Amino acid sequence: MHREEINLDQTHIRLTTDIKEHGLRQHIHSLRLDLKRHIAQNQDFLISIEPVKVYDENLPQIVKLMYESSNHADVGPMACVAGSISQLSLDYLIEHDSKYSIVENGGDIAIINDKKALCGIYSNNPILGNSIAFEIKARKKPLGICTSSGKIGHSISFGLSDSVTVLSKSPSLADGLATRIANDVIGENSEDKVNNALETSENYKEFFDGVLIISDENVGTIGRLPKIVETHEFDMNI
């Protein structure tokens, strides 16, 4: 199995794949160029925290995907950028016959795995810590596992979750939905925060497989999630 990091400006990929000579770095570079060109001509795409209408059908693949996902999730297009890069990177690897690849881009994961894999859930929760993980069974189709937090990371969140993790067939959409649901982890206490986020999740059930919400001493789930197992404490910086 081949492991490497790909760092291009704000994109920081941690890759595990069964393909050694893949050329993914150049593919990501091309995706980012398409994105930069579109942003240069459409500032609303960059700064909006709400969905932006699409007026042009002849768009680069990544731009079109971000428009579509953000409109489904009711967030701004850039809320889907990390998941979109992960998704299109995984699609590229699958086109090159990968059967096992994990593309992790700042906590937003696209995965295909022909054997069991563990996906750690990073929340820094005072009770759970960082010692639980999803056990992902072998599968032949891609899966997105994306996390948003009101306490960790540089992404904008209007909620106060330790973490909101969304699993969806589309990593791009999972990224946007994680942001949207995490925005509603608000309330007078931890229980209220989780319940409010679960209510929001109900509005998007057609777009995800499952959601895990962690806030202080409360945890909420909706949909179907993989088995959650205990793991060794892990550090995202390693």
C-alpha atoms as a PDB file:
ATOM      1  CA  MET A   1       0.000   0.000   0.000  1.00  0.00           C
ATOM      2  CA  HIS A   2       1.339   3.419  -0.980  1.00  0.00           C
ATOM      3  CA  ARG A   3       1.038   6.407   1.386  1.00  0.00           C
ATOM      4  CA  GLU A   4       1.915  10.027   0.734  1.00  0.00           C
ATOM      5  CA  GLU A   5       0.960  13.630   1.400  1.00  0.00           C
ATOM      6  CA  ILE A   6       0.009  16.067  -1.351  1.00  0.00           C
ATOM      7  CA  ASN A   7       0.142  19.735  -0.364  1.00  0.00           C
ATOM      8  CA  LEU A   8      -0.971  22.374  -2.848  1.00  0.00           C
ATOM      9  CA  ASP A   9      -1.732  25.790  -1.330  1.00  0.00           C
ATOM     10  CA  GLN A  10      -4.765  25.277   0.939  1.00  0.00           C
ATOM     11  CA  THR A  11      -5.243  21.659  -0.124  1.00  0.00           C
ATOM     12  CA  HIS A  12      -3.589  19.145   2.180  1.00  0.00           C
ATOM     13  CA  ILE A  13      -4.211  15.564   1.095  1.00  0.00           C
ATOM     14  CA  ARG A  14      -3.227  12.467   3.041  1.00  0.00           C
ATOM     15  CA  LEU A  15      -3.446   9.586   0.602  1.00  0.00           C
ATOM     16  CA  THR A  16      -3.455   5.836   0.995  1.00  0.00           C
ATOM     17  CA  THR A  17      -3.797   3.905  -2.249  1.00  0.00           C
ATOM     18  CA  ASP A  18      -3.008   0.651  -3.967  1.00  0.00           C
ATOM     19  CA  ILE A  19      -1.592   2.588  -6.951  1.00  0.00           C
ATOM     20  CA  LYS A  20       2.018   3.738  -6.729  1.00  0.00           C
ATOM     21  CA  GLU A  21       2.356   5.668 -10.002  1.00  0.00           C
ATOM     22  CA  HIS A  22      -0.894   7.622 -10.154  1.00  0.00           C
ATOM     23  CA  GLY A  23      -0.201  11.263 -11.067  1.00  0.00           C
ATOM     24  CA  LEU A  24      -2.842  12.508  -8.634  1.00  0.00           C
ATOM     25  CA  ARG A  25      -0.865  15.613  -7.707  1.00  0.00           C
ATOM     26  CA  GLN A  26      -1.139  16.973 -11.247  1.00  0.00           C
ATOM     27  CA  HIS A  27      -4.848  16.142 -11.359  1.00  0.00           C
ATOM     28  CA  ILE A  28      -5.474  18.080  -8.141  1.00  0.00           C
ATOM     29  CA  HIS A  29      -3.409  20.961  -9.507  1.00  0.00           C
ATOM     30  CA  SER A  30      -5.678  21.033 -12.560  1.00  0.00           C
ATOM     31  CA  LEU A  31      -8.816  20.981 -10.394  1.00  0.00           C
ATOM     32  CA  ARG A  32      -7.514  23.888  -8.349  1.00  0.00           C
ATOM     33  CA  LEU A  33      -6.715  25.911 -11.475  1.00  0.00           C
ATOM     34  CA  ASP A  34     -10.289  25.457 -12.715  1.00  0.00           C
ATOM     35  CA  LEU A  35     -11.567  26.558  -9.329  1.00  0.00           C
ATOM     36  CA  LYS A  36      -9.309  29.617  -9.150  1.00  0.00           C
ATOM     37  CA  ARG A  37     -10.356  30.770 -12.621  1.00  0.00           C
ATOM     38  CA  HIS A  38     -14.032  30.534 -11.713  1.00  0.00           C
ATOM     39  CA  ILE A  39     -13.553  32.373  -8.413  1.00  0.00           C
ATOM     40  CA  ALA A  40     -11.667  35.177 -10.196  1.00  0.00           C
ATOM     41  CA  GLN A  41     -14.788  35.833 -12.272  1.00  0.00           C
ATOM     42  CA  ASN A  42     -17.415  35.011  -9.632  1.00  0.00           C
ATOM     43  CA  GLN A  43     -16.669  36.432  -6.192  1.00  0.00           C
ATOM     44  CA  ASP A  44     -20.063  35.349  -4.851  1.00  0.00           C
ATOM     45  CA  PHE A  45     -18.918  31.773  -5.325  1.00  0.00           C
ATOM     46  CA  LEU A  46     -16.080  32.443  -2.883  1.00  0.00           C
ATOM     47  CA  ILE A  47     -17.761  34.509  -0.179  1.00  0.00           C
ATOM     48  CA  SER A  48     -21.409  33.433  -0.095  1.00  0.00           C
ATOM     49  CA  ILE A  49     -22.557  31.388   2.907  1.00  0.00           C
ATOM     50  CA  GLU A  50     -25.798  30.588   1.087  1.00  0.00           C
ATOM     51  CA  PRO A  51     -26.401  28.666  -2.169  1.00  0.00           C
ATOM     52  CA  VAL A  52     -25.563  30.519  -5.355  1.00  0.00           C
ATOM     53  CA  LYS A  53     -27.620  30.107  -8.519  1.00  0.00           C
ATOM     54  CA  VAL A  54     -25.902  28.647 -11.566  1.00  0.00           C
ATOM     55  CA  TYR A  55     -26.218  30.671 -14.759  1.00  0.00           C
ATOM     56  CA  ASP A  56     -23.712  28.793 -16.907  1.00  0.00           C
ATOM     57  CA  GLU A  57     -24.024  25.134 -17.839  1.00  0.00           C
ATOM     58  CA  ASN A  58     -20.513  24.955 -19.334  1.00  0.00           C
ATOM     59  CA  LEU A  59     -18.616  24.775 -16.068  1.00  0.00           C
ATOM     60  CA  PRO A  60     -15.517  22.842 -15.008  1.00  0.00           C
ATOM     61  CA  GLN A  61     -16.286  19.579 -13.254  1.00  0.00           C
ATOM     62  CA  ILE A  62     -15.285  20.733  -9.776  1.00  0.00           C
ATOM     63  CA  VAL A  63     -17.203  23.998 -10.016  1.00  0.00           C
ATOM     64  CA  LYS A  64     -20.361  22.275 -11.215  1.00  0.00           C
ATOM     65  CA  LEU A  65     -20.092  19.708  -8.416  1.00  0.00           C
ATOM     66  CA  MET A  66     -19.696  22.410  -5.759  1.00  0.00           C
ATOM     67  CA  TYR A  67     -22.716  24.317  -7.079  1.00  0.00           C
ATOM     68  CA  GLU A  68     -24.862  21.179  -7.064  1.00  0.00           C
ATOM     69  CA  SER A  69     -23.822  19.969  -3.603  1.00  0.00           C
ATOM     70  CA  SER A  70     -24.126  23.370  -1.950  1.00  0.00           C
ATOM     71  CA  ASN A  71     -27.605  23.854  -3.377  1.00  0.00           C
ATOM     72  CA  HIS A  72     -28.729  20.498  -1.971  1.00  0.00           C
ATOM     73  CA  ALA A  73     -27.168  21.258   1.420  1.00  0.00           C
ATOM     74  CA  ASP A  74     -28.275  24.923   1.623  1.00  0.00           C
ATOM     75  CA  VAL A  75     -24.767  26.265   2.165  1.00  0.00           C
ATOM     76  CA  GLY A  76     -22.305  28.368   0.188  1.00  0.00           C
ATOM     77  CA  PRO A  77     -20.278  26.609  -2.522  1.00  0.00           C
ATOM     78  CA  MET A  78     -16.975  26.820  -0.642  1.00  0.00           C
ATOM     79  CA  ALA A  79     -18.468  24.742   2.177  1.00  0.00           C
ATOM     80  CA  CYS A  80     -18.113  21.816  -0.247  1.00  0.00           C
ATOM     81  CA  VAL A  81     -14.622  22.477  -1.572  1.00  0.00           C
ATOM     82  CA  ALA A  82     -12.620  19.966   0.479  1.00  0.00           C
ATOM     83  CA  GLY A  83     -15.096  17.146  -0.041  1.00  0.00           C
ATOM     84  CA  SER A  84     -15.298  17.917  -3.751  1.00  0.00           C
ATOM     85  CA  ILE A  85     -11.541  17.682  -4.186  1.00  0.00           C
ATOM     86  CA  SER A  86     -11.542  14.416  -2.236  1.00  0.00           C
ATOM     87  CA  GLN A  87     -14.379  13.051  -4.382  1.00  0.00           C
ATOM     88  CA  LEU A  88     -12.840  13.953  -7.724  1.00  0.00           C
ATOM     89  CA  SER A  89      -9.446  12.684  -6.567  1.00  0.00           C
ATOM     90  CA  LEU A  90     -10.974   9.332  -5.658  1.00  0.00           C
ATOM     91  CA  ASP A  91     -12.863   9.208  -8.961  1.00  0.00           C
ATOM     92  CA  TYR A  92      -9.541   9.737 -10.728  1.00  0.00           C
ATOM     93  CA  LEU A  93      -7.911   6.874  -8.805  1.00  0.00           C
ATOM     94  CA  ILE A  94     -10.848   4.565  -9.504  1.00  0.00           C
ATOM     95  CA  GLU A  95     -10.527   5.380 -13.220  1.00  0.00           C
ATOM     96  CA  HIS A  96      -6.944   4.131 -12.865  1.00  0.00           C
ATOM     97  CA  ASP A  97      -8.252   0.822 -11.467  1.00  0.00           C
ATOM     98  CA  SER A  98      -7.809   1.477  -7.751  1.00  0.00           C
ATOM     99  CA  LYS A  99      -9.708  -0.917  -5.516  1.00  0.00           C
ATOM    100  CA  TYR A 100      -8.448   0.559  -2.245  1.00  0.00           C
ATOM    101  CA  SER A 101      -7.880   4.298  -1.854  1.00  0.00           C
ATOM    102  CA  ILE A 102      -8.477   6.747   0.967  1.00  0.00           C
ATOM    103  CA  VAL A 103      -8.262  10.449   0.165  1.00  0.00           C
ATOM    104  CA  GLU A 104      -8.386  12.585   3.313  1.00  0.00           C
ATOM    105  CA  ASN A 105      -8.491  16.340   2.784  1.00  0.00           C
ATOM    106  CA  GLY A 106      -8.632  18.241   6.076  1.00  0.00           C
ATOM    107  CA  GLY A 107     -10.987  15.737   7.668  1.00  0.00           C
ATOM    108  CA  ASP A 108     -13.110  15.220   4.574  1.00  0.00           C
ATOM    109  CA  ILE A 109     -12.659  11.684   3.305  1.00  0.00           C
ATOM    110  CA  ALA A 110     -13.453   9.850   0.089  1.00  0.00           C
ATOM    111  CA  ILE A 111     -12.875   6.118   0.305  1.00  0.00           C
ATOM    112  CA  ILE A 112     -13.208   2.934  -1.670  1.00  0.00           C
ATOM    113  CA  ASN A 113     -11.975  -0.216   0.052  1.00  0.00           C
ATOM    114  CA  ASP A 114     -11.979  -3.836  -1.000  1.00  0.00           C
ATOM    115  CA  LYS A 115     -11.018  -4.794   2.569  1.00  0.00           C
ATOM    116  CA  LYS A 116     -12.010  -3.535   5.998  1.00  0.00           C
ATOM    117  CA  ALA A 117     -10.792  -0.077   7.034  1.00  0.00           C
ATOM    118  CA  LEU A 118     -10.992   2.020  10.196  1.00  0.00           C
ATOM    119  CA  CYS A 119     -11.895   5.707  10.037  1.00  0.00           C
ATOM    120  CA  GLY A 120     -11.104   7.605  13.235  1.00  0.00           C
ATOM    121  CA  ILE A 121     -13.623  10.122  14.567  1.00  0.00           C
ATOM    122  CA  TYR A 122     -11.718  13.217  15.684  1.00  0.00           C
ATOM    123  CA  SER A 123     -13.807  15.322  18.066  1.00  0.00           C
ATOM    124  CA  ASN A 124     -11.590  16.109  21.083  1.00  0.00           C
ATOM    125  CA  ASN A 125     -14.661  15.296  23.156  1.00  0.00           C
ATOM    126  CA  PRO A 126     -13.794  15.300  26.897  1.00  0.00           C
ATOM    127  CA  ILE A 127     -15.538  11.938  27.403  1.00  0.00           C
ATOM    128  CA  LEU A 128     -14.913  10.063  24.142  1.00  0.00           C
ATOM    129  CA  GLY A 129     -11.572  11.637  23.348  1.00  0.00           C
ATOM    130  CA  ASN A 130     -10.154  10.617  19.982  1.00  0.00           C
ATOM    131  CA  SER A 131     -10.305   6.886  20.529  1.00  0.00           C
ATOM    132  CA  ILE A 132     -13.345   5.771  18.522  1.00  0.00           C
ATOM    133  CA  ALA A 133     -13.638   4.916  14.842  1.00  0.00           C
ATOM    134  CA  PHE A 134     -16.016   3.718  12.161  1.00  0.00           C
ATOM    135  CA  GLU A 135     -15.322   0.201  10.983  1.00  0.00           C
ATOM    136  CA  ILE A 136     -15.886   0.413   7.236  1.00  0.00           C
ATOM    137  CA  LYS A 137     -16.687  -2.948   5.674  1.00  0.00           C
ATOM    138  CA  ALA A 138     -15.215  -3.887   2.315  1.00  0.00           C
ATOM    139  CA  ARG A 139     -17.133  -2.138  -0.468  1.00  0.00           C
ATOM    140  CA  LYS A 140     -16.986  -1.667  -4.225  1.00  0.00           C
ATOM    141  CA  LYS A 141     -18.522   1.809  -4.353  1.00  0.00           C
ATOM    142  CA  PRO A 142     -17.161   5.142  -3.099  1.00  0.00           C
ATOM    143  CA  LEU A 143     -18.187   6.602   0.250  1.00  0.00           C
ATOM    144  CA  GLY A 144     -17.818  10.086   1.678  1.00  0.00           C
ATOM    145  CA  ILE A 145     -17.102  10.596   5.386  1.00  0.00           C
ATOM    146  CA  CYS A 146     -16.952  14.307   6.190  1.00  0.00           C
ATOM    147  CA  THR A 147     -16.749  16.126   9.503  1.00  0.00           C
ATOM    148  CA  SER A 148     -17.438  19.667  10.627  1.00  0.00           C
ATOM    149  CA  SER A 149     -16.796  21.161  14.053  1.00  0.00           C
ATOM    150  CA  GLY A 150     -17.598  24.371  15.884  1.00  0.00           C
ATOM    151  CA  LYS A 151     -14.459  23.967  18.004  1.00  0.00           C
ATOM    152  CA  ILE A 152     -11.760  22.455  15.783  1.00  0.00           C
ATOM    153  CA  GLY A 153     -10.308  23.602  12.481  1.00  0.00           C
ATOM    154  CA  HIS A 154     -10.437  26.771  10.400  1.00  0.00           C
ATOM    155  CA  SER A 155     -13.767  26.246   8.632  1.00  0.00           C
ATOM    156  CA  ILE A 156     -16.673  28.530   9.453  1.00  0.00           C
ATOM    157  CA  SER A 157     -19.332  26.989  11.709  1.00  0.00           C
ATOM    158  CA  PHE A 158     -22.137  28.808  13.501  1.00  0.00           C
ATOM    159  CA  GLY A 159     -22.754  25.909  15.880  1.00  0.00           C
ATOM    160  CA  LEU A 160     -20.938  24.538  18.905  1.00  0.00           C
ATOM    161  CA  SER A 161     -20.458  20.881  18.069  1.00  0.00           C
ATOM    162  CA  ASP A 162     -17.425  18.858  18.999  1.00  0.00           C
ATOM    163  CA  SER A 163     -18.030  17.147  15.678  1.00  0.00           C
ATOM    164  CA  VAL A 164     -20.720  16.401  13.129  1.00  0.00           C
ATOM    165  CA  THR A 165     -19.853  13.567  10.771  1.00  0.00           C
ATOM    166  CA  VAL A 166     -21.929  12.816   7.671  1.00  0.00           C
ATOM    167  CA  LEU A 167     -21.676   9.684   5.558  1.00  0.00           C
ATOM    168  CA  SER A 168     -22.934   9.938   1.994  1.00  0.00           C
ATOM    169  CA  LYS A 169     -22.325   8.359  -1.384  1.00  0.00           C
ATOM    170  CA  SER A 170     -21.121  11.828  -2.421  1.00  0.00           C
ATOM    171  CA  PRO A 171     -18.170  13.194  -0.392  1.00  0.00           C
ATOM    172  CA  SER A 172     -18.866  16.642  -1.826  1.00  0.00           C
ATOM    173  CA  LEU A 173     -22.423  16.592  -0.521  1.00  0.00           C
ATOM    174  CA  ALA A 174     -21.328  15.047   2.785  1.00  0.00           C
ATOM    175  CA  ASP A 175     -18.996  18.022   3.263  1.00  0.00           C
ATOM    176  CA  GLY A 176     -21.773  20.555   2.690  1.00  0.00           C
ATOM    177  CA  LEU A 177     -24.250  18.684   4.887  1.00  0.00           C
ATOM    178  CA  ALA A 178     -21.730  18.416   7.725  1.00  0.00           C
ATOM    179  CA  THR A 179     -21.451  22.206   7.662  1.00  0.00           C
ATOM    180  CA  ARG A 180     -25.208  22.730   7.416  1.00  0.00           C
ATOM    181  CA  ILE A 181     -26.050  20.372  10.287  1.00  0.00           C
ATOM    182  CA  ALA A 182     -23.175  21.593  12.469  1.00  0.00           C
ATOM    183  CA  ASN A 183     -24.502  25.145  12.127  1.00  0.00           C
ATOM    184  CA  ASP A 184     -27.577  24.079  14.097  1.00  0.00           C
ATOM    185  CA  VAL A 185     -25.759  22.470  17.028  1.00  0.00           C
ATOM    186  CA  ILE A 186     -27.062  25.314  19.177  1.00  0.00           C
ATOM    187  CA  GLY A 187     -29.155  25.499  22.325  1.00  0.00           C
ATOM    188  CA  GLU A 188     -29.142  26.163  26.047  1.00  0.00           C
ATOM    189  CA  ASN A 189     -27.478  22.852  26.876  1.00  0.00           C
ATOM    190  CA  SER A 190     -25.789  19.902  25.215  1.00  0.00           C
ATOM    191  CA  GLU A 191     -29.007  17.915  24.842  1.00  0.00           C
ATOM    192  CA  ASP A 192     -30.782  20.818  23.137  1.00  0.00           C
ATOM    193  CA  LYS A 193     -27.841  21.285  20.772  1.00  0.00           C
ATOM    194  CA  VAL A 194     -27.888  17.682  19.634  1.00  0.00           C
ATOM    195  CA  ASN A 195     -31.684  17.564  19.307  1.00  0.00           C
ATOM    196  CA  ASN A 196     -31.753  20.752  17.217  1.00  0.00           C
ATOM    197  CA  ALA A 197     -29.111  19.332  14.895  1.00  0.00           C
ATOM    198  CA  LEU A 198     -31.017  16.061  14.571  1.00  0.00           C
ATOM    199  CA  GLU A 199     -34.141  18.001  13.572  1.00  0.00           C
ATOM    200  CA  THR A 200     -32.134  19.760  10.870  1.00  0.00           C
ATOM    201  CA  SER A 201     -30.752  16.421   9.688  1.00  0.00           C
ATOM    202  CA  GLU A 202     -34.291  15.153   9.082  1.00  0.00           C
ATOM    203  CA  ASN A 203     -34.641  17.690   6.273  1.00  0.00           C
ATOM    204  CA  TYR A 204     -31.762  16.136   4.324  1.00  0.00           C
ATOM    205  CA  LYS A 205     -32.322  12.397   4.847  1.00  0.00           C
ATOM    206  CA  GLU A 206     -32.524  11.707   1.119  1.00  0.00           C
ATOM    207  CA  PHE A 207     -28.918  12.842   0.691  1.00  0.00           C
ATOM    208  CA  PHE A 208     -27.024  10.899   3.357  1.00  0.00           C
ATOM    209  CA  ASP A 209     -26.561   7.416   4.741  1.00  0.00           C
ATOM    210  CA  GLY A 210     -26.029   8.474   8.351  1.00  0.00           C
ATOM    211  CA  VAL A 211     -25.021  11.300  10.678  1.00  0.00           C
ATOM    212  CA  LEU A 212     -23.131  11.258  13.976  1.00  0.00           C
ATOM    213  CA  ILE A 213     -23.358  14.344  16.211  1.00  0.00           C
ATOM    214  CA  ILE A 214     -21.100  14.755  19.258  1.00  0.00           C
ATOM    215  CA  SER A 215     -21.543  17.669  21.659  1.00  0.00           C
ATOM    216  CA  ASP A 216     -20.135  17.623  25.195  1.00  0.00           C
ATOM    217  CA  GLU A 217     -21.806  14.744  27.074  1.00  0.00           C
ATOM    218  CA  ASN A 218     -24.422  13.995  24.403  1.00  0.00           C
ATOM    219  CA  VAL A 219     -24.305  12.003  21.182  1.00  0.00           C
ATOM    220  CA  GLY A 220     -26.984  11.784  18.503  1.00  0.00           C
ATOM    221  CA  THR A 221     -27.305   9.624  15.406  1.00  0.00           C
ATOM    222  CA  ILE A 222     -29.653   9.387  12.474  1.00  0.00           C
ATOM    223  CA  GLY A 223     -29.718   6.987   9.535  1.00  0.00           C
ATOM    224  CA  ARG A 224     -27.429   3.999   9.136  1.00  0.00           C
ATOM    225  CA  LEU A 225     -23.871   4.243  10.428  1.00  0.00           C
ATOM    226  CA  PRO A 226     -21.017   1.746  10.296  1.00  0.00           C
ATOM    227  CA  LYS A 227     -20.086  -0.090  13.475  1.00  0.00           C
ATOM    228  CA  ILE A 228     -18.322   2.224  15.950  1.00  0.00           C
ATOM    229  CA  VAL A 229     -15.298   0.615  17.627  1.00  0.00           C
ATOM    230  CA  GLU A 230     -12.765   1.682  20.233  1.00  0.00           C
ATOM    231  CA  THR A 231      -9.273   2.450  18.970  1.00  0.00           C
ATOM    232  CA  HIS A 232      -5.988   3.717  20.296  1.00  0.00           C
ATOM    233  CA  GLU A 233      -5.951   7.474  20.891  1.00  0.00           C
ATOM    234  CA  PHE A 234      -4.784   9.137  17.701  1.00  0.00           C
ATOM    235  CA  ASP A 235      -3.317  12.517  16.818  1.00  0.00           C
ATOM    236  CA  MET A 236      -4.348  14.251  13.589  1.00  0.00           C
ATOM    237  CA  ASN A 237      -0.873  15.856  13.397  1.00  0.00           C
ATOM    238  CA  ILE A 238       0.839  12.479  13.000  1.00  0.00           C
END
